[in-house]
Amino acid sequence: SNGGVTLSGGEAMVQYDFMMALVHALKEKGLHLAIETTGIVDHEKFKKAAPLFDLLLFDVKQADPMKHKKGTHVTNEVIQKNFKWAIEQGLNVLPRIPVIPGFNETLEDAKELASCIKDAGAKDVQLLPFHQFGENKYSLLHRPYRFQNKHGLQEADLLPYCDIFLKNGLSCTF
């Protein structure tokens, strides 16, 4: 494949100056560049950074602004603005939805997310089923784990959720 680099985090764009320096250095090497992002960065900075990537793996967590703020402690206005802008520019954007119990797992959430993603002009969506991989980390850090006793989701659990995206004309994968 000639190699490639995916920036992830947390949110790589929060370390904007470092990220930009790294991206320019990697571009000089001719590497394929991807970023896992929520798009939670100033719009002007996003407009400078996003076109440098060959692929934007864009987290879309919640369509409803109030539910988004309650679950993430930030509004989703700039996120939606950056998401839509990237698609309008013809950038390679793959919206990805981490399906999380108690936050965005209902079929009503899926309908709202499908509408939001379709309205932005995306054609595809990838579902990321909730898992318990982080549970041990919280235990080691002696921090409460909000998802204690929540079962991980399997692809079969998300078939009705996925079906909503398909019915809205979006390709849906896991």
N, C-alpha and C. Protein backbone atom coordinates (compact mmCIF):
# COMPACT_ATOMS: atom_id res chain seq x y z
N SER A 1 0.82 -1.21 0.00
CA SER A 1 0.00 0.00 0.00
C SER A 1 0.86 1.26 0.00
N ASN A 2 2.15 1.13 0.14
CA ASN A 2 3.06 2.26 0.25
C ASN A 2 2.90 3.02 1.55
N GLY A 3 2.15 2.46 2.47
CA GLY A 3 2.04 3.03 3.81
C GLY A 3 1.03 4.14 3.93
N GLY A 4 0.72 4.44 5.14
CA GLY A 4 -0.21 5.50 5.45
C GLY A 4 -0.24 5.74 6.94
N VAL A 5 -0.84 6.85 7.32
CA VAL A 5 -0.92 7.23 8.73
C VAL A 5 -2.35 7.69 9.01
N THR A 6 -2.87 7.22 10.14
CA THR A 6 -4.17 7.69 10.61
C THR A 6 -3.95 8.41 11.93
N LEU A 7 -4.36 9.66 11.99
CA LEU A 7 -4.31 10.42 13.24
C LEU A 7 -5.61 10.16 13.99
N SER A 8 -5.48 9.85 15.26
CA SER A 8 -6.66 9.63 16.08
C SER A 8 -6.41 10.24 17.44
N GLY A 9 -7.20 9.91 18.38
CA GLY A 9 -7.01 10.56 19.67
C GLY A 9 -7.72 9.84 20.76
N GLY A 10 -8.40 10.60 21.51
CA GLY A 10 -8.98 11.92 21.58
C GLY A 10 -9.26 12.53 20.21
N GLU A 11 -9.04 13.78 20.16
CA GLU A 11 -9.30 14.57 18.95
C GLU A 11 -7.99 15.19 18.49
N ALA A 12 -7.47 14.70 17.38
CA ALA A 12 -6.18 15.16 16.86
C ALA A 12 -6.20 16.65 16.52
N MET A 13 -7.33 17.17 16.11
CA MET A 13 -7.38 18.58 15.70
C MET A 13 -7.27 19.54 16.89
N VAL A 14 -7.43 19.04 18.11
CA VAL A 14 -7.26 19.88 19.29
C VAL A 14 -5.79 20.30 19.42
N GLN A 15 -4.89 19.45 18.98
CA GLN A 15 -3.46 19.76 18.96
C GLN A 15 -3.12 20.36 17.59
N TYR A 16 -3.82 21.41 17.22
CA TYR A 16 -3.84 21.91 15.85
C TYR A 16 -2.46 22.21 15.28
N ASP A 17 -1.64 23.00 15.97
CA ASP A 17 -0.33 23.39 15.42
C ASP A 17 0.56 22.17 15.21
N PHE A 18 0.60 21.29 16.20
CA PHE A 18 1.39 20.06 16.07
C PHE A 18 0.86 19.20 14.93
N MET A 19 -0.47 19.05 14.89
CA MET A 19 -1.08 18.22 13.85
C MET A 19 -0.74 18.76 12.46
N MET A 20 -0.83 20.07 12.28
CA MET A 20 -0.54 20.64 10.96
C MET A 20 0.92 20.41 10.58
N ALA A 21 1.84 20.59 11.52
CA ALA A 21 3.26 20.35 11.24
C ALA A 21 3.48 18.88 10.87
N LEU A 22 2.86 17.98 11.61
CA LEU A 22 2.99 16.55 11.33
C LEU A 22 2.41 16.20 9.96
N VAL A 23 1.24 16.72 9.66
CA VAL A 23 0.59 16.43 8.38
C VAL A 23 1.45 16.91 7.22
N HIS A 24 1.99 18.10 7.31
CA HIS A 24 2.84 18.61 6.23
C HIS A 24 4.08 17.74 6.06
N ALA A 25 4.69 17.30 7.16
CA ALA A 25 5.87 16.43 7.08
C ALA A 25 5.51 15.08 6.45
N LEU A 26 4.36 14.54 6.82
CA LEU A 26 3.94 13.25 6.26
C LEU A 26 3.56 13.38 4.79
N LYS A 27 2.95 14.49 4.42
CA LYS A 27 2.60 14.73 3.01
C LYS A 27 3.85 14.77 2.15
N GLU A 28 4.94 15.36 2.68
CA GLU A 28 6.19 15.40 1.94
C GLU A 28 6.72 14.01 1.63
N LYS A 29 6.37 13.04 2.48
CA LYS A 29 6.77 11.64 2.29
C LYS A 29 5.83 10.90 1.34
N GLY A 30 4.74 11.57 0.93
CA GLY A 30 3.80 10.95 0.00
C GLY A 30 2.91 9.89 0.63
N LEU A 31 2.73 9.97 1.93
CA LEU A 31 1.91 8.97 2.62
C LEU A 31 0.43 9.30 2.54
N HIS A 32 -0.38 8.24 2.50
CA HIS A 32 -1.84 8.40 2.60
C HIS A 32 -2.16 8.84 4.02
N LEU A 33 -2.97 9.88 4.16
CA LEU A 33 -3.30 10.41 5.48
C LEU A 33 -4.80 10.33 5.75
N ALA A 34 -5.13 9.79 6.90
CA ALA A 34 -6.51 9.75 7.38
C ALA A 34 -6.54 10.36 8.77
N ILE A 35 -7.71 10.81 9.17
CA ILE A 35 -7.90 11.32 10.52
C ILE A 35 -9.24 10.82 11.04
N GLU A 36 -9.23 10.37 12.29
CA GLU A 36 -10.47 10.09 13.00
C GLU A 36 -10.79 11.38 13.75
N THR A 37 -11.91 11.99 13.42
CA THR A 37 -12.23 13.30 13.97
C THR A 37 -13.70 13.41 14.32
N THR A 38 -13.96 14.27 15.28
CA THR A 38 -15.34 14.66 15.57
C THR A 38 -15.64 16.00 14.90
N GLY A 39 -14.60 16.63 14.35
CA GLY A 39 -14.79 17.93 13.73
C GLY A 39 -14.98 19.06 14.73
N ILE A 40 -14.63 18.84 15.97
CA ILE A 40 -14.83 19.86 17.00
C ILE A 40 -13.61 20.76 17.05
N VAL A 41 -13.53 21.61 16.04
CA VAL A 41 -12.44 22.57 15.91
C VAL A 41 -13.00 23.80 15.22
N ASP A 42 -12.41 24.94 15.47
CA ASP A 42 -12.81 26.18 14.82
C ASP A 42 -12.95 25.95 13.32
N HIS A 43 -14.02 26.48 12.74
CA HIS A 43 -14.33 26.22 11.33
C HIS A 43 -13.20 26.67 10.40
N GLU A 44 -12.60 27.81 10.66
CA GLU A 44 -11.51 28.28 9.78
C GLU A 44 -10.31 27.35 9.85
N LYS A 45 -10.00 26.85 11.03
CA LYS A 45 -8.91 25.88 11.16
C LYS A 45 -9.27 24.58 10.44
N PHE A 46 -10.51 24.15 10.60
CA PHE A 46 -10.96 22.92 9.93
C PHE A 46 -10.82 23.05 8.42
N LYS A 47 -11.20 24.21 7.88
CA LYS A 47 -11.12 24.43 6.43
C LYS A 47 -9.68 24.36 5.92
N LYS A 48 -8.71 24.70 6.74
CA LYS A 48 -7.30 24.60 6.34
C LYS A 48 -6.79 23.17 6.47
N ALA A 49 -7.23 22.47 7.51
CA ALA A 49 -6.69 21.14 7.79
C ALA A 49 -7.36 20.03 6.99
N ALA A 50 -8.67 20.03 6.91
CA ALA A 50 -9.40 18.90 6.34
C ALA A 50 -8.96 18.52 4.91
N PRO A 51 -8.74 19.49 4.02
CA PRO A 51 -8.35 19.11 2.66
C PRO A 51 -6.98 18.44 2.56
N LEU A 52 -6.19 18.49 3.62
CA LEU A 52 -4.88 17.85 3.61
C LEU A 52 -4.97 16.33 3.78
N PHE A 53 -6.12 15.86 4.22
CA PHE A 53 -6.30 14.43 4.48
C PHE A 53 -6.93 13.74 3.28
N ASP A 54 -6.50 12.50 3.07
CA ASP A 54 -7.07 11.69 2.01
C ASP A 54 -8.40 11.07 2.44
N LEU A 55 -8.60 10.95 3.74
CA LEU A 55 -9.82 10.36 4.27
C LEU A 55 -10.14 10.98 5.63
N LEU A 56 -11.38 11.41 5.79
CA LEU A 56 -11.89 11.91 7.07
C LEU A 56 -12.84 10.87 7.63
N LEU A 57 -12.44 10.19 8.68
CA LEU A 57 -13.31 9.26 9.40
C LEU A 57 -14.02 10.11 10.45
N PHE A 58 -15.23 10.53 10.13
CA PHE A 58 -15.91 11.59 10.87
C PHE A 58 -16.96 11.02 11.82
N ASP A 59 -16.69 11.14 13.12
CA ASP A 59 -17.65 10.71 14.14
C ASP A 59 -18.89 11.61 14.10
N VAL A 60 -20.03 10.98 13.98
CA VAL A 60 -21.31 11.69 14.09
C VAL A 60 -22.04 10.98 15.21
N LYS A 61 -22.08 11.62 16.37
CA LYS A 61 -22.58 10.93 17.56
C LYS A 61 -24.06 11.13 17.84
N GLN A 62 -24.56 12.30 17.50
CA GLN A 62 -25.94 12.61 17.87
C GLN A 62 -26.43 13.76 17.01
N ALA A 63 -27.63 13.66 16.48
CA ALA A 63 -28.20 14.73 15.66
C ALA A 63 -28.83 15.82 16.53
N ASP A 64 -29.44 15.43 17.62
CA ASP A 64 -30.13 16.37 18.49
C ASP A 64 -29.12 17.19 19.30
N PRO A 65 -29.12 18.53 19.15
CA PRO A 65 -28.12 19.36 19.83
C PRO A 65 -28.14 19.24 21.35
N MET A 66 -29.31 19.12 21.95
CA MET A 66 -29.39 19.04 23.41
C MET A 66 -28.89 17.68 23.92
N LYS A 67 -29.26 16.61 23.22
CA LYS A 67 -28.76 15.28 23.60
C LYS A 67 -27.25 15.21 23.40
N HIS A 68 -26.76 15.85 22.34
CA HIS A 68 -25.32 15.86 22.08
C HIS A 68 -24.59 16.55 23.23
N LYS A 69 -25.09 17.70 23.63
CA LYS A 69 -24.44 18.45 24.71
C LYS A 69 -24.50 17.67 26.02
N LYS A 70 -25.64 17.06 26.29
CA LYS A 70 -25.77 16.30 27.53
C LYS A 70 -24.78 15.13 27.57
N GLY A 71 -24.58 14.47 26.44
CA GLY A 71 -23.71 13.29 26.42
C GLY A 71 -22.24 13.58 26.22
N THR A 72 -21.91 14.72 25.61
CA THR A 72 -20.50 15.00 25.30
C THR A 72 -19.97 16.27 25.95
N HIS A 73 -20.86 17.07 26.50
CA HIS A 73 -20.54 18.34 27.16
C HIS A 73 -20.16 19.44 26.16
N VAL A 74 -20.41 19.21 24.88
CA VAL A 74 -20.21 20.25 23.86
C VAL A 74 -21.40 20.21 22.91
N THR A 75 -21.70 21.35 22.32
CA THR A 75 -22.76 21.38 21.32
C THR A 75 -22.24 20.78 20.02
N ASN A 76 -23.15 20.47 19.12
CA ASN A 76 -22.72 19.88 17.85
C ASN A 76 -22.85 20.86 16.67
N GLU A 77 -23.02 22.14 16.95
CA GLU A 77 -23.20 23.10 15.85
C GLU A 77 -21.97 23.19 14.96
N VAL A 78 -20.78 23.40 15.54
CA VAL A 78 -19.57 23.50 14.72
C VAL A 78 -19.25 22.14 14.09
N ILE A 79 -19.56 21.06 14.78
CA ILE A 79 -19.33 19.72 14.24
C ILE A 79 -20.15 19.54 12.97
N GLN A 80 -21.44 19.87 13.04
CA GLN A 80 -22.30 19.72 11.86
C GLN A 80 -21.87 20.66 10.74
N LYS A 81 -21.46 21.86 11.09
CA LYS A 81 -20.99 22.82 10.08
C LYS A 81 -19.76 22.26 9.37
N ASN A 82 -18.80 21.75 10.12
CA ASN A 82 -17.58 21.21 9.53
C ASN A 82 -17.86 19.95 8.71
N PHE A 83 -18.73 19.11 9.21
CA PHE A 83 -19.12 17.89 8.50
C PHE A 83 -19.73 18.22 7.14
N LYS A 84 -20.69 19.11 7.15
CA LYS A 84 -21.36 19.48 5.90
C LYS A 84 -20.38 20.17 4.94
N TRP A 85 -19.54 21.04 5.45
CA TRP A 85 -18.57 21.74 4.61
C TRP A 85 -17.64 20.74 3.91
N ALA A 86 -17.14 19.76 4.67
CA ALA A 86 -16.22 18.76 4.10
C ALA A 86 -16.88 18.00 2.95
N ILE A 87 -18.12 17.63 3.13
CA ILE A 87 -18.84 16.90 2.08
C ILE A 87 -19.08 17.81 0.88
N GLU A 88 -19.49 19.04 1.13
CA GLU A 88 -19.72 20.00 0.03
C GLU A 88 -18.45 20.24 -0.78
N GLN A 89 -17.29 20.14 -0.14
CA GLN A 89 -16.02 20.35 -0.84
C GLN A 89 -15.58 19.13 -1.63
N GLY A 90 -16.32 18.04 -1.52
CA GLY A 90 -15.97 16.82 -2.23
C GLY A 90 -14.85 16.03 -1.55
N LEU A 91 -14.60 16.31 -0.27
CA LEU A 91 -13.58 15.56 0.44
C LEU A 91 -14.08 14.14 0.70
N ASN A 92 -13.16 13.21 0.88
CA ASN A 92 -13.50 11.83 1.15
C ASN A 92 -13.87 11.69 2.63
N VAL A 93 -15.16 11.70 2.90
CA VAL A 93 -15.67 11.69 4.27
C VAL A 93 -16.47 10.42 4.50
N LEU A 94 -16.11 9.70 5.55
CA LEU A 94 -16.90 8.54 5.95
C LEU A 94 -17.49 8.83 7.33
N PRO A 95 -18.80 9.13 7.39
CA PRO A 95 -19.44 9.33 8.69
C PRO A 95 -19.49 8.00 9.44
N ARG A 96 -19.10 8.04 10.71
CA ARG A 96 -19.11 6.85 11.55
C ARG A 96 -19.87 7.15 12.83
N ILE A 97 -20.77 6.25 13.17
CA ILE A 97 -21.61 6.45 14.35
C ILE A 97 -21.25 5.42 15.40
N PRO A 98 -20.63 5.86 16.50
CA PRO A 98 -20.46 4.94 17.62
C PRO A 98 -21.81 4.79 18.31
N VAL A 99 -22.42 3.63 18.19
CA VAL A 99 -23.76 3.42 18.75
C VAL A 99 -23.60 3.08 20.23
N ILE A 100 -24.08 4.00 21.08
CA ILE A 100 -23.80 3.96 22.52
C ILE A 100 -25.10 3.86 23.31
N PRO A 101 -25.21 2.84 24.18
CA PRO A 101 -26.42 2.69 25.00
C PRO A 101 -26.71 3.95 25.83
N GLY A 102 -27.97 4.34 25.83
CA GLY A 102 -28.38 5.48 26.63
C GLY A 102 -28.04 6.83 26.01
N PHE A 103 -27.41 6.81 24.85
CA PHE A 103 -27.02 8.07 24.21
C PHE A 103 -27.58 8.21 22.80
N ASN A 104 -27.44 7.18 21.99
CA ASN A 104 -27.90 7.29 20.60
C ASN A 104 -28.32 5.96 20.00
N GLU A 105 -28.72 5.00 20.84
CA GLU A 105 -29.00 3.66 20.32
C GLU A 105 -30.44 3.40 19.91
N THR A 106 -31.34 4.36 20.11
CA THR A 106 -32.73 4.10 19.76
C THR A 106 -32.95 4.25 18.25
N LEU A 107 -34.02 3.64 17.78
CA LEU A 107 -34.34 3.75 16.36
C LEU A 107 -34.73 5.19 16.00
N GLU A 108 -35.25 5.92 16.96
CA GLU A 108 -35.53 7.35 16.72
C GLU A 108 -34.23 8.11 16.53
N ASP A 109 -33.22 7.79 17.33
CA ASP A 109 -31.90 8.39 17.13
C ASP A 109 -31.38 8.07 15.73
N ALA A 110 -31.54 6.82 15.31
CA ALA A 110 -31.08 6.41 13.98
C ALA A 110 -31.78 7.22 12.89
N LYS A 111 -33.08 7.44 13.04
CA LYS A 111 -33.83 8.22 12.05
C LYS A 111 -33.29 9.65 11.97
N GLU A 112 -33.05 10.25 13.14
CA GLU A 112 -32.53 11.62 13.16
C GLU A 112 -31.12 11.69 12.58
N LEU A 113 -30.28 10.72 12.90
CA LEU A 113 -28.92 10.68 12.37
C LEU A 113 -28.93 10.45 10.86
N ALA A 114 -29.80 9.56 10.39
CA ALA A 114 -29.89 9.30 8.96
C ALA A 114 -30.29 10.57 8.21
N SER A 115 -31.24 11.30 8.76
CA SER A 115 -31.68 12.55 8.14
C SER A 115 -30.54 13.57 8.12
N CYS A 116 -29.85 13.71 9.23
CA CYS A 116 -28.73 14.65 9.34
C CYS A 116 -27.63 14.31 8.33
N ILE A 117 -27.27 13.05 8.26
CA ILE A 117 -26.18 12.62 7.37
C ILE A 117 -26.59 12.76 5.91
N LYS A 118 -27.80 12.38 5.60
CA LYS A 118 -28.29 12.51 4.22
C LYS A 118 -28.39 13.98 3.82
N ASP A 119 -28.91 14.82 4.71
CA ASP A 119 -29.04 16.25 4.42
C ASP A 119 -27.68 16.91 4.18
N ALA A 120 -26.64 16.39 4.82
CA ALA A 120 -25.29 16.93 4.62
C ALA A 120 -24.71 16.50 3.27
N GLY A 121 -25.33 15.49 2.65
CA GLY A 121 -24.87 15.05 1.34
C GLY A 121 -24.04 13.79 1.33
N ALA A 122 -23.91 13.14 2.48
CA ALA A 122 -23.15 11.89 2.54
C ALA A 122 -23.95 10.76 1.89
N LYS A 123 -23.24 9.74 1.44
CA LYS A 123 -23.88 8.59 0.80
C LYS A 123 -23.71 7.31 1.61
N ASP A 124 -22.73 7.31 2.51
CA ASP A 124 -22.39 6.11 3.27
C ASP A 124 -22.37 6.43 4.76
N VAL A 125 -22.49 5.38 5.56
CA VAL A 125 -22.32 5.50 7.00
C VAL A 125 -21.77 4.18 7.52
N GLN A 126 -20.94 4.28 8.54
CA GLN A 126 -20.41 3.09 9.19
C GLN A 126 -20.83 3.11 10.64
N LEU A 127 -21.40 2.00 11.10
CA LEU A 127 -21.82 1.88 12.49
C LEU A 127 -20.71 1.22 13.29
N LEU A 128 -20.43 1.77 14.46
CA LEU A 128 -19.41 1.23 15.37
C LEU A 128 -20.14 0.75 16.62
N PRO A 129 -20.37 -0.55 16.73
CA PRO A 129 -21.12 -1.07 17.89
C PRO A 129 -20.38 -0.84 19.20
N PHE A 130 -21.12 -0.45 20.22
CA PHE A 130 -20.58 -0.26 21.56
C PHE A 130 -19.88 -1.55 22.02
N HIS A 131 -18.74 -1.37 22.68
CA HIS A 131 -18.01 -2.50 23.26
C HIS A 131 -17.50 -2.11 24.64
N GLN A 132 -16.97 -3.07 25.35
CA GLN A 132 -16.49 -2.84 26.70
C GLN A 132 -14.97 -2.77 26.80
N PHE A 133 -14.27 -2.46 25.72
CA PHE A 133 -12.80 -2.46 25.72
C PHE A 133 -12.21 -1.46 26.72
N GLY A 134 -12.92 -0.39 27.04
CA GLY A 134 -12.39 0.62 27.93
C GLY A 134 -12.66 0.37 29.40
N GLU A 135 -13.45 -0.64 29.72
CA GLU A 135 -13.85 -0.86 31.11
C GLU A 135 -12.65 -1.07 32.04
N ASN A 136 -11.70 -1.88 31.64
CA ASN A 136 -10.54 -2.15 32.49
C ASN A 136 -9.71 -0.90 32.72
N LYS A 137 -9.61 -0.04 31.71
CA LYS A 137 -8.85 1.20 31.86
C LYS A 137 -9.42 2.05 33.00
N TYR A 138 -10.74 2.17 33.05
CA TYR A 138 -11.37 2.94 34.11
C TYR A 138 -11.06 2.33 35.48
N SER A 139 -11.10 1.00 35.55
CA SER A 139 -10.79 0.32 36.79
C SER A 139 -9.37 0.62 37.24
N LEU A 140 -8.42 0.55 36.31
CA LEU A 140 -7.02 0.83 36.64
C LEU A 140 -6.80 2.28 37.08
N LEU A 141 -7.62 3.18 36.56
CA LEU A 141 -7.52 4.59 36.92
C LEU A 141 -8.36 4.95 38.15
N HIS A 142 -9.05 3.95 38.70
CA HIS A 142 -9.92 4.15 39.87
C HIS A 142 -10.97 5.22 39.59
N ARG A 143 -11.53 5.14 38.40
CA ARG A 143 -12.59 6.08 38.00
C ARG A 143 -13.88 5.31 37.81
N PRO A 144 -15.00 5.96 38.10
CA PRO A 144 -16.28 5.27 37.87
C PRO A 144 -16.50 5.05 36.37
N TYR A 145 -17.06 3.90 36.05
CA TYR A 145 -17.33 3.55 34.65
C TYR A 145 -18.83 3.61 34.41
N ARG A 146 -19.24 4.57 33.63
CA ARG A 146 -20.66 4.84 33.39
C ARG A 146 -21.40 3.67 32.73
N PHE A 147 -20.66 2.84 32.04
CA PHE A 147 -21.30 1.76 31.27
C PHE A 147 -21.14 0.39 31.93
N GLN A 148 -20.89 0.40 33.24
CA GLN A 148 -20.81 -0.84 34.00
C GLN A 148 -22.09 -1.65 33.76
N ASN A 149 -21.96 -2.90 33.53
CA ASN A 149 -23.09 -3.83 33.33
C ASN A 149 -23.86 -3.58 32.04
N LYS A 150 -23.32 -2.79 31.14
CA LYS A 150 -23.93 -2.63 29.82
C LYS A 150 -23.27 -3.66 28.90
N HIS A 151 -24.08 -4.34 28.14
CA HIS A 151 -23.55 -5.36 27.24
C HIS A 151 -23.09 -4.71 25.94
N GLY A 152 -21.98 -5.22 25.43
CA GLY A 152 -21.52 -4.78 24.12
C GLY A 152 -22.55 -5.14 23.07
N LEU A 153 -22.56 -4.38 22.00
CA LEU A 153 -23.49 -4.62 20.90
C LEU A 153 -22.79 -5.44 19.82
N GLN A 154 -23.54 -6.32 19.21
CA GLN A 154 -23.05 -7.11 18.09
C GLN A 154 -23.69 -6.56 16.82
N GLU A 155 -23.12 -6.91 15.69
CA GLU A 155 -23.68 -6.44 14.42
C GLU A 155 -25.15 -6.81 14.31
N ALA A 156 -25.52 -8.01 14.75
CA ALA A 156 -26.92 -8.44 14.67
C ALA A 156 -27.85 -7.52 15.46
N ASP A 157 -27.33 -6.96 16.57
CA ASP A 157 -28.13 -6.04 17.37
C ASP A 157 -28.45 -4.76 16.61
N LEU A 158 -27.61 -4.42 15.65
CA LEU A 158 -27.75 -3.15 14.94
C LEU A 158 -28.43 -3.28 13.58
N LEU A 159 -28.91 -4.44 13.23
CA LEU A 159 -29.55 -4.60 11.92
C LEU A 159 -30.77 -3.69 11.75
N PRO A 160 -31.68 -3.57 12.74
CA PRO A 160 -32.80 -2.64 12.58
C PRO A 160 -32.32 -1.18 12.48
N TYR A 161 -31.28 -0.84 13.21
CA TYR A 161 -30.68 0.50 13.18
C TYR A 161 -30.13 0.77 11.77
N CYS A 162 -29.37 -0.21 11.26
CA CYS A 162 -28.79 -0.10 9.92
C CYS A 162 -29.88 0.02 8.86
N ASP A 163 -30.95 -0.72 9.05
CA ASP A 163 -32.05 -0.72 8.08
C ASP A 163 -32.62 0.68 7.87
N ILE A 164 -32.62 1.50 8.91
CA ILE A 164 -33.12 2.87 8.79
C ILE A 164 -32.26 3.67 7.82
N PHE A 165 -30.95 3.49 7.88
CA PHE A 165 -30.06 4.19 6.95
C PHE A 165 -30.27 3.69 5.53
N LEU A 166 -30.42 2.38 5.37
CA LEU A 166 -30.67 1.81 4.05
C LEU A 166 -31.97 2.37 3.45
N LYS A 167 -33.01 2.47 4.27
CA LYS A 167 -34.30 3.00 3.81
C LYS A 167 -34.20 4.47 3.43
N ASN A 168 -33.18 5.16 3.95
CA ASN A 168 -32.96 6.57 3.62
C ASN A 168 -31.96 6.74 2.47
N GLY A 169 -31.64 5.64 1.79
CA GLY A 169 -30.78 5.71 0.62
C GLY A 169 -29.29 5.79 0.93
N LEU A 170 -28.90 5.45 2.15
CA LEU A 170 -27.51 5.48 2.55
C LEU A 170 -26.95 4.06 2.61
N SER A 171 -25.75 3.88 2.15
CA SER A 171 -25.05 2.61 2.35
C SER A 171 -24.68 2.52 3.81
N CYS A 172 -24.84 1.34 4.41
CA CYS A 172 -24.57 1.18 5.84
C CYS A 172 -23.72 -0.06 6.06
N THR A 173 -22.57 0.14 6.71
CA THR A 173 -21.68 -0.98 7.01
C THR A 173 -21.32 -0.95 8.50
N PHE A 174 -20.67 -2.03 8.92
CA PHE A 174 -20.22 -2.16 10.31
C PHE A 174 -18.71 -2.14 10.33
